[in-house]
């Protein structure tokens, strides 16, 4: 397992990458830190005979998820990765899309132990994390530098492997597309994200807008964000 790689040319959506690496049909899946649940809903609607349980620790986002139209095979629960309200050995797949580094550092070990507890023996943990590189990252780091927390999340994952909780299956580096209609769209989705309170000075806000504008066209702004996906098996 490695933190970064310059060999990051494959382009794929986050959900598509997961589905290319693991058979999900007929499985019970848990997503931790589902956010606005875009990937969650696509996972539930794709394939066949899937049961999806999605956890979110941000109260406002969780309320929004509950208020949205519901799917029969998708259930939303409130809670963080360090306290998963499910029985032991009851889940086939746990996935985390860009959420492991949001777990408090002091709770990372407990979160991975909880994931181990709820997975069936031989079940899989899929973790997709953004790399600290690329044009989009260079904009975000102006107001939200995640280098340290991303490193801590990766180190916790490696530690869980060293402890014998999981064994690595595969690791893939890829570029995940993202797009924004304009700066207002970016500002609402990224600066105004409810899981983190960002307070930008006027100087920083101006610089963020300037760098974002460099990527804008008549159709908006499009990025390909470097990512790492680790697929592990519960021992």
Protein backbone atom coordinates (compact mmCIF):
# COMPACT_ATOMS: atom_id res chain seq x y z
CA UNK A 1 0.00 0.00 0.00
CA UNK A 2 1.29 3.44 -0.89
CA UNK A 3 0.00 6.91 -0.09
CA UNK A 4 0.58 8.60 -3.47
CA UNK A 5 1.37 7.65 -7.03
CA UNK A 6 2.23 9.69 -10.09
CA UNK A 7 0.85 6.81 -12.20
CA UNK A 8 -2.72 8.02 -11.95
CA UNK A 9 -4.15 8.09 -15.47
CA UNK A 10 -7.24 5.89 -15.34
CA UNK A 11 -10.44 7.99 -15.35
CA UNK A 12 -13.41 6.63 -13.42
CA UNK A 13 -16.25 7.73 -11.21
CA UNK A 14 -15.97 6.66 -7.58
CA UNK A 15 -18.94 4.31 -7.66
CA UNK A 16 -17.93 2.87 -11.03
CA UNK A 17 -14.47 2.10 -9.65
CA UNK A 18 -15.98 0.17 -6.74
CA UNK A 19 -18.26 -1.83 -9.02
CA UNK A 20 -15.36 -2.66 -11.34
CA UNK A 21 -13.44 -4.23 -8.45
CA UNK A 22 -16.13 -6.04 -6.50
CA UNK A 23 -19.36 -7.95 -7.16
CA UNK A 24 -22.13 -6.20 -5.25
CA UNK A 25 -25.28 -7.99 -6.39
CA UNK A 26 -26.94 -10.02 -3.68
CA UNK A 27 -24.87 -8.26 -1.02
CA UNK A 28 -25.65 -6.19 2.06
CA UNK A 29 -23.67 -2.96 1.79
CA UNK A 30 -22.94 -0.23 4.30
CA UNK A 31 -21.72 3.22 3.29
CA UNK A 32 -20.11 5.28 6.04
CA UNK A 33 -20.18 9.05 5.64
CA UNK A 34 -22.64 9.03 2.75
CA UNK A 35 -22.98 12.82 2.51
CA UNK A 36 -25.70 13.82 0.06
CA UNK A 37 -26.00 10.13 -0.90
CA UNK A 38 -25.45 10.47 -4.65
CA UNK A 39 -23.23 7.37 -4.78
CA UNK A 40 -25.47 5.64 -2.24
CA UNK A 41 -28.58 5.93 -4.37
CA UNK A 42 -26.80 4.76 -7.50
CA UNK A 43 -25.45 1.74 -5.61
CA UNK A 44 -28.94 0.89 -4.41
CA UNK A 45 -30.51 1.33 -7.85
CA UNK A 46 -27.78 -0.49 -9.77
CA UNK A 47 -27.50 -4.24 -10.16
CA UNK A 48 -29.96 -6.53 -8.41
CA UNK A 49 -30.86 -7.81 -4.96
CA UNK A 50 -28.77 -5.23 -3.08
CA UNK A 51 -29.49 -3.94 0.42
CA UNK A 52 -27.80 -0.63 1.26
CA UNK A 53 -27.52 1.01 4.67
CA UNK A 54 -26.05 4.51 4.68
CA UNK A 55 -24.69 6.28 7.74
CA UNK A 56 -24.12 10.04 8.04
CA UNK A 57 -22.83 11.88 11.09
CA UNK A 58 -23.78 15.40 9.97
CA UNK A 59 -27.27 16.01 11.39
CA UNK A 60 -28.38 18.49 8.74
CA UNK A 61 -27.31 16.25 5.89
CA UNK A 62 -28.87 13.20 7.53
CA UNK A 63 -32.18 15.07 7.87
CA UNK A 64 -31.98 16.05 4.22
CA UNK A 65 -31.36 12.43 3.21
CA UNK A 66 -34.40 11.30 5.19
CA UNK A 67 -36.56 14.01 3.63
CA UNK A 68 -35.66 12.99 0.07
CA UNK A 69 -37.63 10.34 -1.87
CA UNK A 70 -36.78 6.93 -0.45
CA UNK A 71 -35.83 3.65 -2.13
CA UNK A 72 -37.15 0.30 -0.85
CA UNK A 73 -33.68 -1.25 -0.50
CA UNK A 74 -31.95 1.81 1.01
CA UNK A 75 -31.99 2.78 4.68
CA UNK A 76 -30.44 5.92 6.21
CA UNK A 77 -29.08 5.82 9.76
CA UNK A 78 -27.43 8.52 11.85
CA UNK A 79 -23.96 7.83 13.22
CA UNK A 80 -20.22 7.81 12.71
CA UNK A 81 -17.84 5.06 11.69
CA UNK A 82 -16.54 4.63 15.23
CA UNK A 83 -19.97 3.45 16.47
CA UNK A 84 -21.82 1.47 13.80
CA UNK A 85 -25.28 0.53 15.04
CA UNK A 86 -25.41 -2.92 13.43
CA UNK A 87 -24.89 -6.47 14.70
CA UNK A 88 -21.53 -8.20 14.40
CA UNK A 89 -20.79 -10.06 11.14
CA UNK A 90 -23.92 -8.70 9.46
CA UNK A 91 -22.49 -6.83 6.44
CA UNK A 92 -20.85 -8.07 3.23
CA UNK A 93 -19.27 -4.79 2.08
CA UNK A 94 -18.40 -1.52 3.83
CA UNK A 95 -17.52 1.40 1.57
CA UNK A 96 -16.22 4.86 2.33
CA UNK A 97 -16.08 7.43 -0.45
CA UNK A 98 -13.76 10.30 0.62
CA UNK A 99 -14.92 9.95 4.22
CA UNK A 100 -12.22 8.07 6.15
CA UNK A 101 -10.15 11.24 6.57
CA UNK A 102 -13.18 12.96 8.11
CA UNK A 103 -13.17 10.53 11.03
CA UNK A 104 -11.48 12.23 14.04
CA UNK A 105 -7.86 11.11 14.26
CA UNK A 106 -8.26 9.76 17.78
CA UNK A 107 -11.17 7.60 16.59
CA UNK A 108 -9.64 6.12 13.42
CA UNK A 109 -8.46 2.93 15.10
CA UNK A 110 -11.83 2.41 16.75
CA UNK A 111 -13.63 3.06 13.46
CA UNK A 112 -11.61 0.41 11.63
CA UNK A 113 -12.18 -2.04 14.50
CA UNK A 114 -15.92 -1.35 14.22
CA UNK A 115 -15.83 -1.99 10.49
CA UNK A 116 -14.05 -5.27 11.18
CA UNK A 117 -16.74 -6.16 13.73
CA UNK A 118 -19.73 -5.63 11.43
CA UNK A 119 -18.20 -7.32 8.37
CA UNK A 120 -18.71 -11.02 7.82
CA UNK A 121 -15.46 -13.03 7.73
CA UNK A 122 -14.07 -12.55 4.25
CA UNK A 123 -16.20 -9.40 3.75
CA UNK A 124 -14.69 -6.39 2.04
CA UNK A 125 -13.80 -2.85 3.03
CA UNK A 126 -13.51 -0.36 0.16
CA UNK A 127 -11.91 3.00 0.90
CA UNK A 128 -11.60 5.74 -1.75
CA UNK A 129 -9.56 8.74 -0.65
CA UNK A 130 -8.48 11.90 -2.51
CA UNK A 131 -4.77 12.37 -3.10
CA UNK A 132 -3.10 15.57 -2.00
CA UNK A 133 -2.31 16.63 -5.55
CA UNK A 134 -3.96 18.04 -8.66
CA UNK A 135 -5.58 21.30 -9.77
CA UNK A 136 -8.76 20.87 -7.74
CA UNK A 137 -6.78 20.05 -4.59
CA UNK A 138 -4.70 23.18 -5.14
CA UNK A 139 -7.89 25.26 -4.94
CA UNK A 140 -9.38 23.46 -1.94
CA UNK A 141 -6.16 23.62 0.09
CA UNK A 142 -6.37 27.42 0.08
CA UNK A 143 -9.15 27.22 2.67
CA UNK A 144 -9.14 23.57 3.77
CA UNK A 145 -5.73 21.90 3.87
CA UNK A 146 -6.35 18.18 4.37
CA UNK A 147 -2.82 16.88 3.91
CA UNK A 148 -2.36 15.86 7.56
CA UNK A 149 -5.76 14.21 8.01
CA UNK A 150 -5.48 12.28 4.74
CA UNK A 151 -2.07 10.99 5.80
CA UNK A 152 -3.45 10.02 9.21
CA UNK A 153 -6.33 8.12 7.58
CA UNK A 154 -3.93 6.19 5.33
CA UNK A 155 -1.64 5.39 8.25
CA UNK A 156 -4.61 4.09 10.25
CA UNK A 157 -5.59 1.86 7.34
CA UNK A 158 -2.05 0.46 7.14
CA UNK A 159 -2.06 -0.06 10.92
CA UNK A 160 -5.29 -2.07 10.69
CA UNK A 161 -3.60 -4.30 8.11
CA UNK A 162 -0.53 -4.66 10.35
CA UNK A 163 -2.81 -5.66 13.23
CA UNK A 164 -4.27 -8.44 11.13
CA UNK A 165 -7.79 -7.02 10.90
CA UNK A 166 -7.66 -6.81 7.11
CA UNK A 167 -5.56 -8.03 4.23
CA UNK A 168 -5.03 -5.95 1.08
CA UNK A 169 -6.74 -7.20 -2.07
CA UNK A 170 -5.89 -4.42 -4.52
CA UNK A 171 -4.98 -0.75 -4.68
CA UNK A 172 -5.88 1.45 -7.63
CA UNK A 173 -5.00 5.04 -8.46
CA UNK A 174 -7.42 6.89 -10.72
CA UNK A 175 -8.86 10.28 -11.63
CA UNK A 176 -12.47 10.99 -10.64
CA UNK A 177 -14.29 13.62 -12.74
CA UNK A 178 -16.15 16.43 -11.01
CA UNK A 179 -17.91 19.42 -12.53
CA UNK A 180 -19.45 22.70 -11.44
CA UNK A 181 -21.81 24.99 -13.31
CA UNK A 182 -20.02 28.10 -12.09
CA UNK A 183 -18.28 29.50 -9.01
CA UNK A 184 -21.59 29.87 -7.17
CA UNK A 185 -22.17 26.14 -7.57
CA UNK A 186 -18.65 25.39 -6.29
CA UNK A 187 -19.12 27.80 -3.39
CA UNK A 188 -22.39 26.18 -2.31
CA UNK A 189 -21.14 22.59 -2.57
CA UNK A 190 -17.58 22.94 -1.31
CA UNK A 191 -17.23 26.08 0.81
CA UNK A 192 -20.78 25.76 2.16
CA UNK A 193 -20.58 22.03 2.93
CA UNK A 194 -22.46 21.44 6.18
CA UNK A 195 -19.99 18.87 7.56
CA UNK A 196 -17.27 21.55 7.92
CA UNK A 197 -17.58 25.25 8.71
CA UNK A 198 -15.31 27.28 6.43
CA UNK A 199 -14.67 30.93 7.14
CA UNK A 200 -12.67 32.53 4.35
CA UNK A 201 -11.08 35.94 4.56
CA UNK A 202 -11.86 38.25 1.65
CA UNK A 203 -8.31 37.78 0.39
CA UNK A 204 -8.56 33.98 0.40
CA UNK A 205 -12.04 34.04 -1.11
CA UNK A 206 -10.79 36.22 -3.97
CA UNK A 207 -7.85 33.88 -4.63
CA UNK A 208 -10.10 30.80 -4.59
CA UNK A 209 -12.42 32.49 -7.11
CA UNK A 210 -9.46 33.50 -9.30
CA UNK A 211 -8.01 29.98 -9.43
CA UNK A 212 -11.42 28.44 -10.05
CA UNK A 213 -12.07 30.88 -12.91
CA UNK A 214 -8.94 29.62 -14.69
CA UNK A 215 -10.75 26.29 -15.23
CA UNK A 216 -14.09 27.73 -16.35
CA UNK A 217 -15.48 27.45 -19.86
CA UNK A 218 -18.88 28.24 -21.29
CA UNK A 219 -20.02 24.86 -19.99
CA UNK A 220 -18.69 25.35 -16.46
CA UNK A 221 -15.59 23.93 -14.77
CA UNK A 222 -14.48 20.31 -14.98
CA UNK A 223 -11.75 18.61 -12.98
CA UNK A 224 -10.21 15.15 -12.83
CA UNK A 225 -9.30 14.58 -9.20
CA UNK A 226 -6.50 12.12 -8.31
CA UNK A 227 -7.80 9.33 -6.06
CA UNK A 228 -6.60 6.16 -4.37
CA UNK A 229 -8.90 3.17 -3.86
CA UNK A 230 -7.97 0.43 -1.41
CA UNK A 231 -9.93 -2.82 -1.39
CA UNK A 232 -9.29 -4.93 1.70
CA UNK A 233 -10.65 -8.24 2.95
CA UNK A 234 -11.73 -8.78 6.56
CA UNK A 235 -9.58 -11.45 8.16
